[in-house]
Amino acid sequence: METDTTEERLTRLLENQQWPLRYMFKFIVPNRDGNVDKVNQLMPSNGKLSYKHTPNLQYVSITCVAQMHSAEEIVGITSRVVAIPGAMAL
């Protein structure tokens, strides 16, 4: 589910005049239905991934730091990830 903050995020990113830049994606997804694998497939191939699980293993926090080339690229990845049921962007 995409929220109205996507437009705000794009506006803030477009203010940056220095591209490419290192960007940190952070998502929380339910640990079921292959959601973690779905997010991994959407992350940039040059990204460094890390994971944290909640104590009851119901959710996974996924962080990816990657070199990005444009604001549109960042928003596109974020939009595709939050379309996964239960996924949230931080």
PDB file of N, CA and C in Angstrom:
ATOM      1  N   MET A   1       0.840  -1.166   0.000  1.00  0.00           N
ATOM      2  CA  MET A   1       0.000   0.000   0.000  1.00  0.00           C
ATOM      3  C   MET A   1       0.892   1.239   0.000  1.00  0.00           C
ATOM      4  N   GLU A   2       0.736   2.087  -0.981  1.00  0.00           N
ATOM      5  CA  GLU A   2       1.543   3.288  -1.099  1.00  0.00           C
ATOM      6  C   GLU A   2       0.848   4.419  -0.351  1.00  0.00           C
ATOM      7  N   THR A   3       1.610   5.193   0.401  1.00  0.00           N
ATOM      8  CA  THR A   3       1.023   6.284   1.166  1.00  0.00           C
ATOM      9  C   THR A   3       1.319   7.610   0.492  1.00  0.00           C
ATOM     10  N   ASP A   4       0.660   8.658   0.995  1.00  0.00           N
ATOM     11  CA  ASP A   4       0.879   9.979   0.412  1.00  0.00           C
ATOM     12  C   ASP A   4       2.264  10.519   0.749  1.00  0.00           C
ATOM     13  N   THR A   5       3.005   9.886   1.642  1.00  0.00           N
ATOM     14  CA  THR A   5       4.352  10.346   1.959  1.00  0.00           C
ATOM     15  C   THR A   5       5.337  10.048   0.831  1.00  0.00           C
ATOM     16  N   THR A   6       4.951   9.227  -0.120  1.00  0.00           N
ATOM     17  CA  THR A   6       5.827   8.926  -1.254  1.00  0.00           C
ATOM     18  C   THR A   6       6.136  10.198  -2.034  1.00  0.00           C
ATOM     19  N   GLU A   7       5.128  11.017  -2.252  1.00  0.00           N
ATOM     20  CA  GLU A   7       5.345  12.274  -2.978  1.00  0.00           C
ATOM     21  C   GLU A   7       6.253  13.203  -2.177  1.00  0.00           C
ATOM     22  N   GLU A   8       6.047  13.250  -0.869  1.00  0.00           N
ATOM     23  CA  GLU A   8       6.905  14.079  -0.022  1.00  0.00           C
ATOM     24  C   GLU A   8       8.347  13.582  -0.064  1.00  0.00           C
ATOM     25  N   ARG A   9       8.522  12.261  -0.031  1.00  0.00           N
ATOM     26  CA  ARG A   9       9.867  11.677  -0.082  1.00  0.00           C
ATOM     27  C   ARG A   9      10.544  12.034  -1.403  1.00  0.00           C
ATOM     28  N   LEU A  10       9.815  11.953  -2.505  1.00  0.00           N
ATOM     29  CA  LEU A  10      10.373  12.291  -3.810  1.00  0.00           C
ATOM     30  C   LEU A  10      10.784  13.759  -3.843  1.00  0.00           C
ATOM     31  N   THR A  11       9.939  14.634  -3.313  1.00  0.00           N
ATOM     32  CA  THR A  11      10.250  16.064  -3.296  1.00  0.00           C
ATOM     33  C   THR A  11      11.537  16.334  -2.530  1.00  0.00           C
ATOM     34  N   ARG A  12      11.683  15.708  -1.369  1.00  0.00           N
ATOM     35  CA  ARG A  12      12.909  15.901  -0.574  1.00  0.00           C
ATOM     36  C   ARG A  12      14.129  15.358  -1.307  1.00  0.00           C
ATOM     37  N   LEU A  13      13.982  14.207  -1.930  1.00  0.00           N
ATOM     38  CA  LEU A  13      15.111  13.614  -2.650  1.00  0.00           C
ATOM     39  C   LEU A  13      15.514  14.454  -3.857  1.00  0.00           C
ATOM     40  N   LEU A  14      14.534  15.048  -4.524  1.00  0.00           N
ATOM     41  CA  LEU A  14      14.837  15.865  -5.700  1.00  0.00           C
ATOM     42  C   LEU A  14      15.603  17.130  -5.330  1.00  0.00           C
ATOM     43  N   GLU A  15      15.510  17.557  -4.068  1.00  0.00           N
ATOM     44  CA  GLU A  15      16.254  18.734  -3.617  1.00  0.00           C
ATOM     45  C   GLU A  15      17.755  18.466  -3.585  1.00  0.00           C
ATOM     46  N   ASN A  16      18.134  17.206  -3.497  1.00  0.00           N
ATOM     47  CA  ASN A  16      19.543  16.838  -3.468  1.00  0.00           C
ATOM     48  C   ASN A  16      20.117  16.966  -4.877  1.00  0.00           C
ATOM     49  N   GLN A  17      21.178  17.714  -5.000  1.00  0.00           N
ATOM     50  CA  GLN A  17      21.782  17.934  -6.312  1.00  0.00           C
ATOM     51  C   GLN A  17      23.005  17.058  -6.559  1.00  0.00           C
ATOM     52  N   GLN A  18      23.358  16.220  -5.597  1.00  0.00           N
ATOM     53  CA  GLN A  18      24.556  15.398  -5.749  1.00  0.00           C
ATOM     54  C   GLN A  18      24.171  13.937  -5.944  1.00  0.00           C
ATOM     55  N   TRP A  19      24.171  13.524  -7.190  1.00  0.00           N
ATOM     56  CA  TRP A  19      23.888  12.122  -7.522  1.00  0.00           C
ATOM     57  C   TRP A  19      25.098  11.565  -8.232  1.00  0.00           C
ATOM     58  N   PRO A  20      25.412  10.306  -8.074  1.00  0.00           N
ATOM     59  CA  PRO A  20      24.753   9.298  -7.241  1.00  0.00           C
ATOM     60  C   PRO A  20      25.061   9.521  -5.762  1.00  0.00           C
ATOM     61  N   LEU A  21      24.284   8.853  -4.900  1.00  0.00           N
ATOM     62  CA  LEU A  21      24.503   8.940  -3.469  1.00  0.00           C
ATOM     63  C   LEU A  21      24.180   7.610  -2.807  1.00  0.00           C
ATOM     64  N   ARG A  22      24.729   7.436  -1.611  1.00  0.00           N
ATOM     65  CA  ARG A  22      24.424   6.229  -0.832  1.00  0.00           C
ATOM     66  C   ARG A  22      23.098   6.470  -0.128  1.00  0.00           C
ATOM     67  N   TYR A  23      22.200   5.509  -0.254  1.00  0.00           N
ATOM     68  CA  TYR A  23      20.868   5.636   0.344  1.00  0.00           C
ATOM     69  C   TYR A  23      20.577   4.398   1.182  1.00  0.00           C
ATOM     70  N   MET A  24      19.923   4.614   2.322  1.00  0.00           N
ATOM     71  CA  MET A  24      19.563   3.497   3.187  1.00  0.00           C
ATOM     72  C   MET A  24      18.059   3.254   3.101  1.00  0.00           C
ATOM     73  N   PHE A  25      17.698   2.104   2.550  1.00  0.00           N
ATOM     74  CA  PHE A  25      16.313   1.645   2.548  1.00  0.00           C
ATOM     75  C   PHE A  25      16.082   0.901   3.851  1.00  0.00           C
ATOM     76  N   LYS A  26      14.902   1.085   4.450  1.00  0.00           N
ATOM     77  CA  LYS A  26      14.567   0.332   5.658  1.00  0.00           C
ATOM     78  C   LYS A  26      13.093  -0.029   5.587  1.00  0.00           C
ATOM     79  N   PHE A  27      12.822  -1.323   5.711  1.00  0.00           N
ATOM     80  CA  PHE A  27      11.455  -1.831   5.628  1.00  0.00           C
ATOM     81  C   PHE A  27      11.203  -2.813   6.761  1.00  0.00           C
ATOM     82  N   ILE A  28       9.948  -2.921   7.153  1.00  0.00           N
ATOM     83  CA  ILE A  28       9.506  -3.962   8.076  1.00  0.00           C
ATOM     84  C   ILE A  28       8.458  -4.769   7.334  1.00  0.00           C
ATOM     85  N   VAL A  29       8.637  -6.088   7.331  1.00  0.00           N
ATOM     86  CA  VAL A  29       7.696  -6.968   6.630  1.00  0.00           C
ATOM     87  C   VAL A  29       7.311  -8.138   7.526  1.00  0.00           C
ATOM     88  N   PRO A  30       6.081  -8.640   7.355  1.00  0.00           N
ATOM     89  CA  PRO A  30       5.701  -9.853   8.074  1.00  0.00           C
ATOM     90  C   PRO A  30       6.587 -11.013   7.615  1.00  0.00           C
ATOM     91  N   ASN A  31       7.001 -11.841   8.547  1.00  0.00           N
ATOM     92  CA  ASN A  31       7.889 -12.960   8.248  1.00  0.00           C
ATOM     93  C   ASN A  31       7.060 -14.172   7.816  1.00  0.00           C
ATOM     94  N   ARG A  32       6.360 -14.023   6.684  1.00  0.00           N
ATOM     95  CA  ARG A  32       5.535 -15.111   6.161  1.00  0.00           C
ATOM     96  C   ARG A  32       5.336 -14.916   4.664  1.00  0.00           C
ATOM     97  N   ASP A  33       4.833 -15.935   4.017  1.00  0.00           N
ATOM     98  CA  ASP A  33       4.484 -15.882   2.590  1.00  0.00           C
ATOM     99  C   ASP A  33       5.648 -15.457   1.690  1.00  0.00           C
ATOM    100  N   GLY A  34       6.867 -15.708   2.110  1.00  0.00           N
ATOM    101  CA  GLY A  34       8.025 -15.361   1.284  1.00  0.00           C
ATOM    102  C   GLY A  34       8.277 -13.872   1.167  1.00  0.00           C
ATOM    103  N   ASN A  35       7.741 -13.067   2.092  1.00  0.00           N
ATOM    104  CA  ASN A  35       7.884 -11.616   1.999  1.00  0.00           C
ATOM    105  C   ASN A  35       9.334 -11.150   2.021  1.00  0.00           C
ATOM    106  N   VAL A  36      10.164 -11.770   2.838  1.00  0.00           N
ATOM    107  CA  VAL A  36      11.569 -11.363   2.908  1.00  0.00           C
ATOM    108  C   VAL A  36      12.241 -11.596   1.557  1.00  0.00           C
ATOM    109  N   ASP A  37      11.988 -12.728   0.936  1.00  0.00           N
ATOM    110  CA  ASP A  37      12.556 -13.003  -0.392  1.00  0.00           C
ATOM    111  C   ASP A  37      12.038 -12.018  -1.432  1.00  0.00           C
ATOM    112  N   LYS A  38      10.766 -11.656  -1.339  1.00  0.00           N
ATOM    113  CA  LYS A  38      10.199 -10.689  -2.287  1.00  0.00           C
ATOM    114  C   LYS A  38      10.910  -9.347  -2.176  1.00  0.00           C
ATOM    115  N   VAL A  39      11.149  -8.894  -0.942  1.00  0.00           N
ATOM    116  CA  VAL A  39      11.857  -7.625  -0.741  1.00  0.00           C
ATOM    117  C   VAL A  39      13.287  -7.735  -1.258  1.00  0.00           C
ATOM    118  N   ASN A  40      13.958  -8.829  -0.947  1.00  0.00           N
ATOM    119  CA  ASN A  40      15.340  -9.017  -1.412  1.00  0.00           C
ATOM    120  C   ASN A  40      15.444  -8.903  -2.927  1.00  0.00           C
ATOM    121  N   GLN A  41      14.474  -9.445  -3.642  1.00  0.00           N
ATOM    122  CA  GLN A  41      14.494  -9.400  -5.104  1.00  0.00           C
ATOM    123  C   GLN A  41      14.334  -7.980  -5.638  1.00  0.00           C
ATOM    124  N   LEU A  42      13.722  -7.103  -4.867  1.00  0.00           N
ATOM    125  CA  LEU A  42      13.499  -5.729  -5.306  1.00  0.00           C
ATOM    126  C   LEU A  42      14.651  -4.790  -4.958  1.00  0.00           C
ATOM    127  N   MET A  43      15.540  -5.220  -4.087  1.00  0.00           N
ATOM    128  CA  MET A  43      16.649  -4.370  -3.662  1.00  0.00           C
ATOM    129  C   MET A  43      17.715  -4.298  -4.747  1.00  0.00           C
ATOM    130  N   PRO A  44      18.450  -3.174  -4.797  1.00  0.00           N
ATOM    131  CA  PRO A  44      19.522  -3.040  -5.788  1.00  0.00           C
ATOM    132  C   PRO A  44      20.575  -4.134  -5.606  1.00  0.00           C
ATOM    133  N   SER A  45      21.101  -4.624  -6.706  1.00  0.00           N
ATOM    134  CA  SER A  45      22.083  -5.714  -6.644  1.00  0.00           C
ATOM    135  C   SER A  45      23.384  -5.272  -5.977  1.00  0.00           C
ATOM    136  N   ASN A  46      23.657  -3.968  -5.972  1.00  0.00           N
ATOM    137  CA  ASN A  46      24.887  -3.472  -5.347  1.00  0.00           C
ATOM    138  C   ASN A  46      24.686  -3.138  -3.874  1.00  0.00           C
ATOM    139  N   GLY A  47      23.520  -3.449  -3.324  1.00  0.00           N
ATOM    140  CA  GLY A  47      23.210  -3.089  -1.946  1.00  0.00           C
ATOM    141  C   GLY A  47      23.740  -4.074  -0.922  1.00  0.00           C
ATOM    142  N   LYS A  48      24.014  -3.548   0.266  1.00  0.00           N
ATOM    143  CA  LYS A  48      24.425  -4.383   1.397  1.00  0.00           C
ATOM    144  C   LYS A  48      23.201  -4.555   2.294  1.00  0.00           C
ATOM    145  N   LEU A  49      22.762  -5.799   2.460  1.00  0.00           N
ATOM    146  CA  LEU A  49      21.549  -6.106   3.212  1.00  0.00           C
ATOM    147  C   LEU A  49      21.865  -6.543   4.631  1.00  0.00           C
ATOM    148  N   SER A  50      20.984  -6.148   5.558  1.00  0.00           N
ATOM    149  CA  SER A  50      21.058  -6.658   6.926  1.00  0.00           C
ATOM    150  C   SER A  50      19.631  -6.866   7.423  1.00  0.00           C
ATOM    151  N   TYR A  51      19.494  -7.753   8.404  1.00  0.00           N
ATOM    152  CA  TYR A  51      18.170  -8.163   8.881  1.00  0.00           C
ATOM    153  C   TYR A  51      18.136  -8.166  10.401  1.00  0.00           C
ATOM    154  N   LYS A  52      16.965  -7.861  10.951  1.00  0.00           N
ATOM    155  CA  LYS A  52      16.703  -8.014  12.380  1.00  0.00           C
ATOM    156  C   LYS A  52      15.306  -8.587  12.512  1.00  0.00           C
ATOM    157  N   HIS A  53      15.164  -9.579  13.371  1.00  0.00           N
ATOM    158  CA  HIS A  53      13.857 -10.197  13.605  1.00  0.00           C
ATOM    159  C   HIS A  53      13.296  -9.717  14.934  1.00  0.00           C
ATOM    160  N   THR A  54      11.975  -9.643  15.023  1.00  0.00           N
ATOM    161  CA  THR A  54      11.349  -9.389  16.311  1.00  0.00           C
ATOM    162  C   THR A  54      11.542 -10.634  17.174  1.00  0.00           C
ATOM    163  N   PRO A  55      11.458 -10.492  18.491  1.00  0.00           N
ATOM    164  CA  PRO A  55      11.670 -11.653  19.372  1.00  0.00           C
ATOM    165  C   PRO A  55      10.763 -12.848  19.056  1.00  0.00           C
ATOM    166  N   ASN A  56       9.543 -12.580  18.615  1.00  0.00           N
ATOM    167  CA  ASN A  56       8.624 -13.684  18.301  1.00  0.00           C
ATOM    168  C   ASN A  56       8.706 -14.122  16.836  1.00  0.00           C
ATOM    169  N   LEU A  57       9.641 -13.552  16.081  1.00  0.00           N
ATOM    170  CA  LEU A  57       9.901 -13.888  14.673  1.00  0.00           C
ATOM    171  C   LEU A  57       8.734 -13.591  13.737  1.00  0.00           C
ATOM    172  N   GLN A  58       7.787 -12.759  14.166  1.00  0.00           N
ATOM    173  CA  GLN A  58       6.655 -12.441  13.292  1.00  0.00           C
ATOM    174  C   GLN A  58       7.011 -11.410  12.223  1.00  0.00           C
ATOM    175  N   TYR A  59       7.963 -10.534  12.518  1.00  0.00           N
ATOM    176  CA  TYR A  59       8.340  -9.477  11.579  1.00  0.00           C
ATOM    177  C   TYR A  59       9.848  -9.452  11.402  1.00  0.00           C
ATOM    178  N   VAL A  60      10.259  -8.939  10.235  1.00  0.00           N
ATOM    179  CA  VAL A  60      11.680  -8.790   9.927  1.00  0.00           C
ATOM    180  C   VAL A  60      11.919  -7.353   9.480  1.00  0.00           C
ATOM    181  N   SER A  61      12.935  -6.736  10.048  1.00  0.00           N
ATOM    182  CA  SER A  61      13.385  -5.426   9.601  1.00  0.00           C
ATOM    183  C   SER A  61      14.497  -5.667   8.588  1.00  0.00           C
ATOM    184  N   ILE A  62      14.331  -5.091   7.404  1.00  0.00           N
ATOM    185  CA  ILE A  62      15.311  -5.262   6.329  1.00  0.00           C
ATOM    186  C   ILE A  62      15.915  -3.900   6.018  1.00  0.00           C
ATOM    187  N   THR A  63      17.234  -3.822   6.074  1.00  0.00           N
ATOM    188  CA  THR A  63      17.952  -2.595   5.752  1.00  0.00           C
ATOM    189  C   THR A  63      18.862  -2.883   4.568  1.00  0.00           C
ATOM    190  N   CYS A  64      18.872  -1.956   3.625  1.00  0.00           N
ATOM    191  CA  CYS A  64      19.746  -2.092   2.460  1.00  0.00           C
ATOM    192  C   CYS A  64      20.392  -0.737   2.192  1.00  0.00           C
ATOM    193  N   VAL A  65      21.718  -0.714   2.167  1.00  0.00           N
ATOM    194  CA  VAL A  65      22.453   0.500   1.825  1.00  0.00           C
ATOM    195  C   VAL A  65      23.038   0.291   0.436  1.00  0.00           C
ATOM    196  N   ALA A  66      22.707   1.221  -0.472  1.00  0.00           N
ATOM    197  CA  ALA A  66      23.139   1.053  -1.864  1.00  0.00           C
ATOM    198  C   ALA A  66      23.422   2.406  -2.503  1.00  0.00           C
ATOM    199  N   GLN A  67      24.247   2.378  -3.520  1.00  0.00           N
ATOM    200  CA  GLN A  67      24.529   3.561  -4.327  1.00  0.00           C
ATOM    201  C   GLN A  67      23.365   3.742  -5.295  1.00  0.00           C
ATOM    202  N   MET A  68      22.692   4.875  -5.205  1.00  0.00           N
ATOM    203  CA  MET A  68      21.525   5.128  -6.048  1.00  0.00           C
ATOM    204  C   MET A  68      21.826   6.293  -6.987  1.00  0.00           C
ATOM    205  N   HIS A  69      21.177   6.270  -8.163  1.00  0.00           N
ATOM    206  CA  HIS A  69      21.485   7.247  -9.202  1.00  0.00           C
ATOM    207  C   HIS A  69      20.442   8.338  -9.375  1.00  0.00           C
ATOM    208  N   SER A  70      19.242   8.152  -8.801  1.00  0.00           N
ATOM    209  CA  SER A  70      18.212   9.183  -8.938  1.00  0.00           C
ATOM    210  C   SER A  70      17.141   9.017  -7.876  1.00  0.00           C
ATOM    211  N   ALA A  71      16.423  10.100  -7.628  1.00  0.00           N
ATOM    212  CA  ALA A  71      15.309  10.068  -6.679  1.00  0.00           C
ATOM    213  C   ALA A  71      14.209   9.143  -7.181  1.00  0.00           C
ATOM    214  N   GLU A  72      13.970   9.151  -8.474  1.00  0.00           N
ATOM    215  CA  GLU A  72      12.927   8.306  -9.049  1.00  0.00           C
ATOM    216  C   GLU A  72      13.223   6.829  -8.825  1.00  0.00           C
ATOM    217  N   GLU A  73      14.501   6.468  -8.909  1.00  0.00           N
ATOM    218  CA  GLU A  73      14.914   5.085  -8.677  1.00  0.00           C
ATOM    219  C   GLU A  73      14.600   4.671  -7.231  1.00  0.00           C
ATOM    220  N   ILE A  74      14.866   5.541  -6.281  1.00  0.00           N
ATOM    221  CA  ILE A  74      14.598   5.267  -4.868  1.00  0.00           C
ATOM    222  C   ILE A  74      13.108   5.122  -4.624  1.00  0.00           C
ATOM    223  N   VAL A  75      12.330   6.063  -5.134  1.00  0.00           N
ATOM    224  CA  VAL A  75      10.880   6.024  -4.928  1.00  0.00           C
ATOM    225  C   VAL A  75      10.273   4.808  -5.620  1.00  0.00           C
ATOM    226  N   GLY A  76      10.793   4.432  -6.785  1.00  0.00           N
ATOM    227  CA  GLY A  76      10.281   3.258  -7.492  1.00  0.00           C
ATOM    228  C   GLY A  76      10.469   1.984  -6.686  1.00  0.00           C
ATOM    229  N   ILE A  77      11.652   1.809  -6.118  1.00  0.00           N
ATOM    230  CA  ILE A  77      11.910   0.623  -5.295  1.00  0.00           C
ATOM    231  C   ILE A  77      11.012   0.634  -4.073  1.00  0.00           C
ATOM    232  N   THR A  78      10.929   1.773  -3.405  1.00  0.00           N
ATOM    233  CA  THR A  78      10.094   1.880  -2.204  1.00  0.00           C
ATOM    234  C   THR A  78       8.642   1.570  -2.521  1.00  0.00           C
ATOM    235  N   SER A  79       8.136   2.084  -3.620  1.00  0.00           N
ATOM    236  CA  SER A  79       6.739   1.846  -4.000  1.00  0.00           C
ATOM    237  C   SER A  79       6.467   0.372  -4.263  1.00  0.00           C
ATOM    238  N   ARG A  80       7.409  -0.304  -4.913  1.00  0.00           N
ATOM    239  CA  ARG A  80       7.214  -1.735  -5.182  1.00  0.00           C
ATOM    240  C   ARG A  80       7.254  -2.557  -3.896  1.00  0.00           C
ATOM    241  N   VAL A  81       8.121  -2.186  -2.967  1.00  0.00           N
ATOM    242  CA  VAL A  81       8.197  -2.938  -1.709  1.00  0.00           C
ATOM    243  C   VAL A  81       6.934  -2.736  -0.880  1.00  0.00           C
ATOM    244  N   VAL A  82       6.463  -1.497  -0.746  1.00  0.00           N
ATOM    245  CA  VAL A  82       5.286  -1.268   0.104  1.00  0.00           C
ATOM    246  C   VAL A  82       4.015  -1.834  -0.520  1.00  0.00           C
ATOM    247  N   ALA A  83       4.076  -2.260  -1.777  1.00  0.00           N
ATOM    248  CA  ALA A  83       2.933  -2.936  -2.396  1.00  0.00           C
ATOM    249  C   ALA A  83       2.795  -4.376  -1.891  1.00  0.00           C
ATOM    250  N   ILE A  84       3.836  -4.905  -1.257  1.00  0.00           N
ATOM    251  CA  ILE A  84       3.775  -6.241  -0.661  1.00  0.00           C
ATOM    252  C   ILE A  84       2.872  -6.151   0.563  1.00  0.00           C
ATOM    253  N   PRO A  85       1.872  -7.019   0.678  1.00  0.00           N
ATOM    254  CA  PRO A  85       0.940  -6.938   1.808  1.00  0.00           C
ATOM    255  C   PRO A  85       1.657  -6.960   3.160  1.00  0.00           C
ATOM    256  N   GLY A  86       1.367  -5.954   3.972  1.00  0.00           N
ATOM    257  CA  GLY A  86       1.933  -5.859   5.314  1.00  0.00           C
ATOM    258  C   GLY A  86       3.269  -5.154   5.391  1.00  0.00           C
ATOM    259  N   ALA A  87       3.894  -4.837   4.252  1.00  0.00           N
ATOM    260  CA  ALA A  87       5.206  -4.185   4.259  1.00  0.00           C
ATOM    261  C   ALA A  87       5.064  -2.706   4.580  1.00  0.00           C
ATOM    262  N   MET A  88       6.031  -2.192   5.348  1.00  0.00           N
ATOM    263  CA  MET A  88       6.051  -0.777   5.706  1.00  0.00           C
ATOM    264  C   MET A  88       7.439  -0.211   5.447  1.00  0.00           C
ATOM    265  N   ALA A  89       7.491   1.002   4.910  1.00  0.00           N
ATOM    266  CA  ALA A  89       8.756   1.709   4.727  1.00  0.00           C
ATOM    267  C   ALA A  89       8.973   2.623   5.922  1.00  0.00           C
ATOM    268  N   LEU A  90      10.209   2.690   6.373  1.00  0.00           N
ATOM    269  CA  LEU A  90      10.547   3.587   7.487  1.00  0.00           C
ATOM    270  C   LEU A  90      11.389   4.737   6.986  1.00  0.00           C
TER     271      LEU A  90
END
